[in-house]
Protein backbone atom coordinates (compact mmCIF):
# COMPACT_ATOMS: atom_id res chain seq x y z
CA MET A 1 -8.36 21.11 -0.24
CA VAL A 2 -8.33 17.60 -1.67
CA ASP A 3 -8.91 16.14 -5.14
CA TRP A 4 -11.44 13.53 -3.97
CA PHE A 5 -13.82 13.36 -1.03
CA VAL A 6 -16.90 11.39 -0.01
CA PRO A 7 -18.97 9.92 -1.53
CA GLY A 8 -15.83 9.00 -3.50
CA TYR A 9 -13.84 5.97 -2.43
CA LYS A 10 -11.64 4.89 -5.36
CA ALA A 11 -8.67 7.01 -4.30
CA GLY A 12 -8.34 4.86 -1.19
CA GLY A 13 -7.00 5.94 2.18
CA PRO A 14 -6.51 9.70 1.62
CA ILE A 15 -10.27 10.14 1.29
CA GLN A 16 -10.87 8.38 4.59
CA SER A 17 -8.10 10.41 6.23
CA CYS A 18 -9.78 13.65 5.18
CA VAL A 19 -13.24 12.49 6.22
CA ASN A 20 -11.97 11.51 9.67
CA PHE A 21 -10.14 14.85 9.88
CA VAL A 22 -13.15 17.06 9.17
CA PHE A 23 -15.37 15.19 11.62
CA ALA A 24 -12.71 15.41 14.32
CA MET A 25 -12.14 19.15 13.79
CA LYS A 26 -15.70 20.38 13.23
CA ASP A 27 -16.31 21.22 16.91
CA ASP A 28 -13.15 23.33 17.17
CA TYR A 29 -13.06 25.08 13.80
CA SER A 30 -15.27 26.18 10.94
CA VAL A 31 -14.37 23.54 8.36
CA TYR A 32 -14.69 24.00 4.59
CA VAL A 33 -13.79 21.27 2.10
CA LEU A 34 -12.91 22.25 -1.47
CA THR A 35 -12.91 19.19 -3.74
CA THR A 36 -14.22 17.84 -7.06
CA ASP A 37 -17.55 16.26 -7.93
CA THR A 38 -16.09 13.11 -9.54
CA ASP A 39 -14.39 10.04 -8.08
CA HIS A 40 -10.83 9.02 -8.90
CA GLY A 41 -10.56 7.52 -12.38
CA GLU A 42 -14.19 8.33 -13.23
CA SER A 43 -15.68 10.74 -15.76
CA ASN A 44 -19.26 10.96 -14.47
CA PRO A 45 -20.03 13.11 -11.39
CA TYR A 46 -21.35 11.61 -8.17
CA GLU A 47 -25.06 10.90 -8.19
CA GLY A 48 -27.17 13.03 -5.87
CA ILE A 49 -24.47 15.69 -5.32
CA GLU A 50 -25.11 19.27 -6.33
CA SER A 51 -21.97 20.73 -7.86
CA GLY A 52 -20.81 24.33 -7.86
CA ARG A 53 -22.18 25.45 -4.49
CA TRP A 54 -21.36 25.12 -0.82
CA THR A 55 -23.43 22.49 0.95
CA ASN A 56 -23.63 21.07 4.47
CA ARG A 57 -25.35 17.88 3.37
CA LEU A 58 -22.58 15.74 4.89
CA HIS A 59 -23.00 17.37 8.32
CA PRO A 60 -24.51 20.67 9.49
CA ASP A 61 -21.09 21.84 10.73
CA ILE A 62 -19.10 20.85 7.62
CA GLN A 63 -19.28 22.87 4.40
CA VAL A 64 -18.28 21.12 1.16
CA PHE A 65 -17.87 22.62 -2.31
CA TYR A 66 -17.89 20.06 -5.13
CA SER A 67 -16.15 21.76 -8.06
CA PRO A 68 -17.45 20.44 -11.40
CA LYS A 69 -14.58 18.40 -12.85
CA ALA A 70 -15.66 19.17 -16.41
CA THR A 71 -14.99 22.90 -15.87
CA LEU A 72 -12.36 22.68 -13.11
CA SER A 73 -9.95 25.61 -13.26
CA ALA A 74 -7.45 27.47 -11.12
CA ARG A 75 -9.60 30.61 -11.38
CA GLY A 76 -12.63 28.75 -10.05
CA LEU A 77 -10.71 27.35 -7.08
CA LYS A 78 -9.24 30.79 -6.31
CA ALA A 79 -12.75 32.26 -6.25
CA GLN A 80 -13.83 29.79 -3.58
CA ILE A 81 -10.68 30.31 -1.52
CA ASP A 82 -11.35 34.04 -1.62
CA ALA A 83 -14.98 33.46 -0.64
CA VAL A 84 -13.99 31.52 2.47
CA GLN A 85 -10.96 33.65 3.44
CA PRO A 86 -9.43 30.75 5.39
CA ASP A 87 -7.09 31.18 8.32
CA TYR A 88 -5.51 27.83 7.43
CA VAL A 89 -5.38 25.91 4.17
CA TYR A 90 -4.83 22.18 4.68
CA LEU A 91 -3.32 20.47 1.63
CA ASN A 92 -3.24 16.72 1.08
CA HIS A 93 -0.64 14.74 -0.86
CA LEU A 94 2.02 16.63 -2.80
CA PHE A 95 1.71 16.38 -6.56
CA SER A 96 -1.84 17.50 -7.31
CA PRO A 97 -1.55 20.37 -9.84
CA LEU A 98 -4.65 22.27 -8.72
CA PHE A 99 -5.19 21.18 -5.13
CA VAL A 100 -1.58 21.41 -3.92
CA VAL A 101 0.76 23.04 -6.44
CA TYR A 102 -1.61 25.88 -7.28
CA PRO A 103 -2.32 27.01 -3.69
CA LEU A 104 1.44 26.80 -2.98
CA TRP A 105 1.98 29.07 -5.99
CA LEU A 106 -0.61 31.49 -4.65
CA LYS A 107 1.23 31.53 -1.32
CA PHE A 108 4.53 32.16 -3.10
CA ARG A 109 3.00 35.09 -4.98
CA GLY A 110 1.46 36.55 -1.83
CA ARG A 111 -2.08 35.96 -3.07
CA LEU A 112 -3.08 33.54 -0.31
CA LYS A 113 -3.19 35.02 3.19
CA GLY A 114 -3.98 31.91 5.21
CA GLU A 115 -1.29 29.70 6.70
CA ILE A 116 -0.61 26.47 4.80
CA VAL A 117 -0.38 23.06 6.45
CA LEU A 118 0.70 20.34 4.02
CA CYS A 119 0.32 16.62 4.68
CA PRO A 120 2.33 14.59 2.10
CA ARG A 121 0.38 11.40 2.98
CA GLY A 122 3.29 9.15 2.10
CA ALA A 123 4.15 10.91 -1.17
CA LEU A 124 7.80 11.38 -0.11
CA TYR A 125 8.49 7.74 0.67
CA ASP A 126 10.94 6.09 -1.74
CA SER A 127 8.29 3.54 -2.77
CA ALA A 128 5.94 6.36 -3.80
CA LEU A 129 8.57 8.52 -5.52
CA SER A 130 9.72 5.55 -7.60
CA VAL A 131 6.40 5.72 -9.49
CA LYS A 132 6.55 8.35 -12.27
CA ARG A 133 9.81 9.71 -10.83
CA TRP A 134 10.40 11.68 -14.04
CA LYS A 135 7.29 13.69 -13.27
CA LYS A 136 7.81 14.18 -9.54
CA THR A 137 11.52 15.07 -9.37
CA PRO A 138 11.20 18.42 -11.23
CA PHE A 139 8.41 19.46 -8.86
CA LEU A 140 10.59 18.72 -5.82
CA HIS A 141 13.33 20.92 -7.31
CA LEU A 142 10.81 23.70 -8.00
CA PHE A 143 9.39 23.38 -4.49
CA ARG A 144 12.84 23.89 -2.98
CA TRP A 145 13.68 26.73 -5.38
CA MET A 146 10.53 28.62 -4.35
CA GLY A 147 11.57 28.31 -0.71
CA MET A 148 8.20 26.82 0.12
CA PRO A 149 9.46 24.50 2.88
CA ARG A 150 10.24 27.63 4.92
CA ARG A 151 6.83 29.19 4.26
CA ILE A 152 4.58 26.32 5.36
CA LEU A 153 4.10 23.75 8.11
CA PHE A 154 4.44 20.08 7.22
CA HIS A 155 2.10 17.60 8.89
CA ALA A 156 3.82 14.22 9.19
CA THR A 157 1.68 11.34 10.37
CA ASN A 158 4.59 9.45 11.95
CA GLN A 159 8.33 9.69 12.63
CA ARG A 160 9.18 7.91 9.39
CA GLU A 161 7.30 10.51 7.36
CA LYS A 162 8.96 13.35 9.29
CA GLU A 163 12.34 11.90 8.38
CA ALA A 164 11.28 11.68 4.73
CA VAL A 165 10.23 15.35 4.73
CA LEU A 166 13.50 16.47 6.28
CA GLN A 167 15.49 14.31 3.86
CA HIS A 168 14.01 16.13 0.88
CA PHE A 169 13.49 19.54 2.49
CA PRO A 170 16.11 20.06 5.24
CA GLY A 171 15.22 22.67 7.82
CA SER A 172 11.48 22.40 7.28
CA ASN A 173 9.02 22.95 10.10
CA VAL A 174 7.42 19.54 10.71
CA LEU A 175 4.91 18.46 13.34
CA ILE A 176 3.79 14.87 13.89
CA ALA A 177 0.12 14.04 14.33
CA ASP A 178 -1.06 10.47 13.86
CA ASN A 179 -3.66 9.80 11.21
CA LEU A 180 -7.13 10.15 12.65
CA PRO A 181 -8.80 6.76 12.37
CA ASN A 182 -12.37 5.67 11.97
CA THR A 183 -13.61 5.61 15.59
CA ARG A 184 -16.84 3.70 14.97
CA GLN A 185 -16.13 0.22 16.32
CA LEU A 186 -18.81 -2.45 16.50
CA PRO A 187 -18.85 -5.08 19.27
CA PHE A 188 -16.47 -7.98 18.73
CA ALA A 189 -17.84 -10.69 16.46
CA GLY A 190 -16.18 -14.00 15.68
CA LEU A 191 -16.25 -16.26 12.63
CA PRO A 192 -16.26 -20.07 12.35
CA LYS A 193 -12.73 -21.38 11.79
CA GLN A 194 -11.92 -24.88 10.58
CA PRO A 195 -8.27 -25.99 10.81
CA GLY A 196 -6.62 -26.21 7.41
CA ILE A 197 -8.84 -23.58 5.73
CA LEU A 198 -8.13 -19.85 5.69
CA LYS A 199 -10.27 -17.10 4.17
CA CYS A 200 -8.09 -14.08 3.33
CA ILE A 201 -9.02 -10.64 2.06
CA PHE A 202 -6.94 -8.03 0.19
CA ILE A 203 -8.34 -4.48 0.02
CA ALA A 204 -6.32 -1.96 -1.99
CA ARG A 205 -5.93 -0.28 -5.34
CA ILE A 206 -4.50 -2.68 -7.92
CA VAL A 207 -1.09 -1.09 -8.39
CA PRO A 208 2.45 -2.44 -7.88
CA ILE A 209 2.99 -0.60 -4.58
CA LYS A 210 0.21 -2.66 -2.96
CA ASN A 211 2.08 -5.84 -3.94
CA LEU A 212 -0.77 -8.20 -4.81
CA LEU A 213 1.52 -10.27 -7.04
CA PHE A 214 3.86 -10.83 -4.08
CA LEU A 215 0.92 -12.10 -2.03
CA LEU A 216 -0.22 -14.47 -4.79
CA THR A 217 3.31 -15.88 -5.03
CA ALA A 218 3.43 -16.45 -1.27
CA MET A 219 0.08 -18.23 -1.41
CA GLU A 220 1.20 -20.36 -4.34
CA LYS A 221 3.90 -21.94 -2.18
CA ALA A 222 1.63 -22.87 0.75
CA LYS A 223 1.45 -26.62 1.42
CA ASP A 224 -1.19 -28.85 3.02
CA VAL A 225 -3.69 -26.02 3.57
CA ARG A 226 -6.54 -24.47 1.61
CA LEU A 227 -6.34 -20.71 1.00
CA GLU A 228 -9.21 -18.57 -0.29
CA LEU A 229 -8.46 -14.96 -1.25
CA THR A 230 -10.98 -12.18 -1.90
CA VAL A 231 -9.50 -9.20 -3.76
CA ILE A 232 -11.22 -5.80 -3.51
CA GLY A 233 -10.10 -2.60 -5.20
CA PRO A 234 -10.08 -0.67 -8.48
CA VAL A 235 -7.67 -1.70 -11.24
CA GLU A 236 -5.44 1.34 -11.77
CA ASP A 237 -2.58 -0.43 -13.54
CA LYS A 238 -3.98 -2.76 -16.18
CA GLY A 239 -0.61 -4.20 -17.08
CA TYR A 240 0.02 -5.14 -13.46
CA TRP A 241 -3.46 -6.62 -13.14
CA ASP A 242 -2.87 -8.71 -16.26
CA GLU A 243 0.29 -10.06 -14.63
CA CYS A 244 -1.65 -10.87 -11.45
CA SER A 245 -4.39 -12.55 -13.49
CA ARG A 246 -1.87 -14.82 -15.17
CA LYS A 247 -0.54 -15.80 -11.74
CA VAL A 248 -4.10 -16.51 -10.52
CA ALA A 249 -4.71 -18.77 -13.52
CA ALA A 250 -1.58 -20.78 -12.68
CA LEU A 251 -2.25 -21.20 -8.94
CA PRO A 252 -2.46 -24.73 -7.55
CA GLY A 253 -5.80 -26.25 -6.65
CA ASN A 254 -5.49 -25.46 -2.94
CA VAL A 255 -5.53 -21.70 -3.63
CA SER A 256 -8.54 -19.83 -5.02
CA VAL A 257 -9.01 -16.13 -5.79
CA ASN A 258 -12.22 -14.13 -6.19
CA TYR A 259 -12.02 -10.54 -7.49
CA LEU A 260 -14.98 -8.36 -6.45
CA GLY A 261 -13.85 -5.03 -7.89
CA PRO A 262 -14.01 -1.76 -5.94
CA ARG A 263 -16.34 -1.38 -2.96
CA ARG A 264 -17.55 1.63 -0.96
CA ASN A 265 -16.02 2.17 2.47
CA ASP A 266 -19.32 1.47 4.21
CA GLU A 267 -19.34 -2.03 2.66
CA LEU A 268 -15.94 -3.03 4.02
CA PRO A 269 -16.81 -3.94 7.65
CA ALA A 270 -19.25 -6.64 6.55
CA LEU A 271 -16.77 -8.00 4.00
CA LEU A 272 -13.95 -8.09 6.54
CA ALA A 273 -16.18 -9.93 9.00
CA GLN A 274 -16.54 -12.78 6.49
CA HIS A 275 -12.78 -13.45 6.42
CA HIS A 276 -10.18 -14.70 8.86
CA LEU A 277 -7.13 -12.68 7.80
CA PHE A 278 -6.50 -9.32 6.15
CA THR A 279 -3.48 -9.39 3.82
CA LEU A 280 -1.47 -6.47 2.40
CA PRO A 281 2.28 -6.92 1.69
CA THR A 282 2.54 -3.25 0.69
CA THR A 283 5.84 -1.62 -0.21
CA GLY A 284 4.83 1.47 1.75
CA GLU A 285 1.85 2.93 3.61
CA ASN A 286 1.51 6.27 5.33
CA PHE A 287 -1.20 4.86 7.61
CA GLY A 288 -3.15 2.05 5.98
CA HIS A 289 -6.83 2.71 6.64
CA ALA A 290 -7.78 -0.72 5.30
CA ILE A 291 -5.38 -2.26 7.83
CA PHE A 292 -7.03 -0.33 10.63
CA GLU A 293 -10.49 -1.28 9.37
CA ALA A 294 -9.39 -4.90 9.76
CA PHE A 295 -8.39 -4.25 13.36
CA LEU A 296 -11.71 -2.51 13.98
CA ALA A 297 -13.53 -5.57 12.64
CA GLY A 298 -11.50 -7.86 14.88
CA ARG A 299 -9.49 -9.49 12.12
CA PRO A 300 -5.74 -10.15 12.40
CA VAL A 301 -3.53 -8.93 9.57
CA LEU A 302 -0.58 -10.14 7.52
CA ILE A 303 1.26 -7.05 6.25
CA SER A 304 4.78 -5.87 5.44
CA ASP A 305 6.97 -3.92 7.84
CA GLN A 306 6.60 -0.83 5.62
CA THR A 307 3.67 0.66 7.54
CA PRO A 308 3.30 2.30 10.97
CA TRP A 309 1.75 -0.92 12.30
CA LEU A 310 4.70 -2.76 13.82
CA GLY A 311 5.21 -5.31 16.56
CA LEU A 312 1.89 -6.97 15.81
CA ALA A 313 2.89 -10.53 16.73
CA ALA A 314 3.70 -9.46 20.29
CA LEU A 315 0.25 -7.88 20.49
CA GLY A 316 -1.45 -10.99 19.15
CA SER A 317 -2.99 -9.05 16.28
CA GLY A 318 -1.05 -10.25 13.24
CA TRP A 319 2.32 -10.15 11.47
CA ASP A 320 4.42 -7.32 10.01
CA LEU A 321 7.12 -9.03 7.97
CA PRO A 322 10.06 -7.91 5.81
CA LEU A 323 9.53 -8.14 2.08
CA ASP A 324 13.01 -9.52 1.49
CA ASP A 325 11.95 -12.79 3.14
CA PRO A 326 8.84 -13.93 1.20
CA GLU A 327 8.98 -17.40 2.74
CA ARG A 328 7.93 -15.90 6.07
CA PHE A 329 4.69 -14.74 4.46
CA THR A 330 4.02 -18.27 3.27
CA ARG A 331 4.74 -19.69 6.72
CA ALA A 332 2.43 -17.11 8.33
CA LEU A 333 -0.37 -18.07 5.93
CA GLU A 334 0.14 -21.75 6.74
CA GLU A 335 0.14 -21.03 10.48
CA ALA A 336 -3.06 -18.99 10.26
CA ALA A 337 -4.69 -21.67 8.14
CA ARG A 338 -3.99 -24.27 10.84
CA TRP A 339 -5.64 -22.22 13.59
CA ASP A 340 -8.51 -23.97 15.29
CA GLN A 341 -11.45 -22.00 16.65
CA PRO A 342 -9.88 -21.00 20.02
CA ALA A 343 -6.64 -19.92 18.35
CA PHE A 344 -8.42 -17.81 15.74
CA ASP A 345 -10.67 -16.25 18.37
CA ALA A 346 -7.62 -15.22 20.40
CA TRP A 347 -5.92 -13.53 17.43
CA ALA A 348 -9.16 -11.92 16.29
CA ARG A 349 -9.83 -10.47 19.72
CA GLY A 350 -6.22 -9.26 19.87
CA ALA A 351 -6.79 -7.31 16.68
CA TRP A 352 -10.08 -5.86 17.94
CA GLU A 353 -8.48 -4.75 21.22
CA HIS A 354 -5.56 -3.21 19.32
CA ALA A 355 -8.00 -0.92 17.49
CA ALA A 356 -9.91 -0.14 20.69
CA ARG A 357 -6.72 1.06 22.42
CA PHE A 358 -5.74 3.21 19.45
CA ILE A 359 -9.02 5.10 19.14
CA LYS A 360 -9.11 5.81 22.88
CA ASN A 361 -5.76 7.64 22.77
CA PRO A 362 -6.55 11.14 24.15
CA GLU A 363 -3.45 12.64 22.52
CA LEU A 364 -4.74 12.24 18.95
CA HIS A 365 -7.06 15.22 19.01
CA ASP A 366 -4.56 17.47 20.82
CA GLN A 367 -1.93 16.74 18.16
CA TYR A 368 -4.21 18.26 15.51
CA LEU A 369 -5.00 21.32 17.59
CA LYS A 370 -1.26 22.05 17.60
CA LEU A 371 -1.20 21.97 13.80
CA PHE A 372 -3.74 24.80 13.58
CA ALA A 373 -2.61 27.07 16.37
């Protein structure tokens, strides 16, 4: 169960996580996806999708039910759960009223027989809870009062998330299984690199947690290099975007920014290939699918140390830097801008090889089998 699924893309990484999950599990289980027929932040349904019925259009072994958003109701979701009679119900995120809270309520009332596996997808990190805390804190209290942590299995995607779960729900049953990545990697392809010029790309929702304003400030301070930034993603916080726009207007002449708006996931590899460096000084990521897409494309990254992707400099695939030292981001941008062709090629290939090693890890699939056993 998940609020948004393909062909949606505006909810970011959770959609890609769920898509990768169903394709990885389809040979071991009968997989049913219960979702809505409208993308995040949109009012019009997807084009070419038939709502209100189960379909295997995505893949013959994957059944998807697109619930009409205009008439979405708890009763309608319960009818489809009853129709499937699932052995396991896999919930994504934590604060969705109908796709997480409601099935947990059904479990509490004894009206849902299947076992529940819940993946918070970063929702319990401090950076995520700080947004609309007034709305999330009462739910956490209710969740504990209902005793739900003892009734379900938590899926943490890394040790940090496991610690976050246990901090809020001590004694919970938690298993770690890394996020399943996109495993479709094209052959390595380079890009011309002239010393002193750096083409950067930022791919994320325009919200404070993704920290675009921090990146613009770091770029503003770069000296003796030319920086070009492409920004891709939906504007979810207009006030924050207005602040970023004012910063863009005040940038010095050696820094330029081009905003392209949101783009579908299948458009990202080609866009990444046109840039030298992926940038995302996020305040917290559960996985960071856009980061991994950069690795897949053979592009080094400049990110914060608030993601699972650490120790990148030693691997020759980028930087993961602390946010309390913004000058290091500026220095990294200047260093990358000064790369000549051989230097860029070495870092780009390091990123590509980093992704290749990750997707070949045989333990990934086995970790998920343990979640549903």
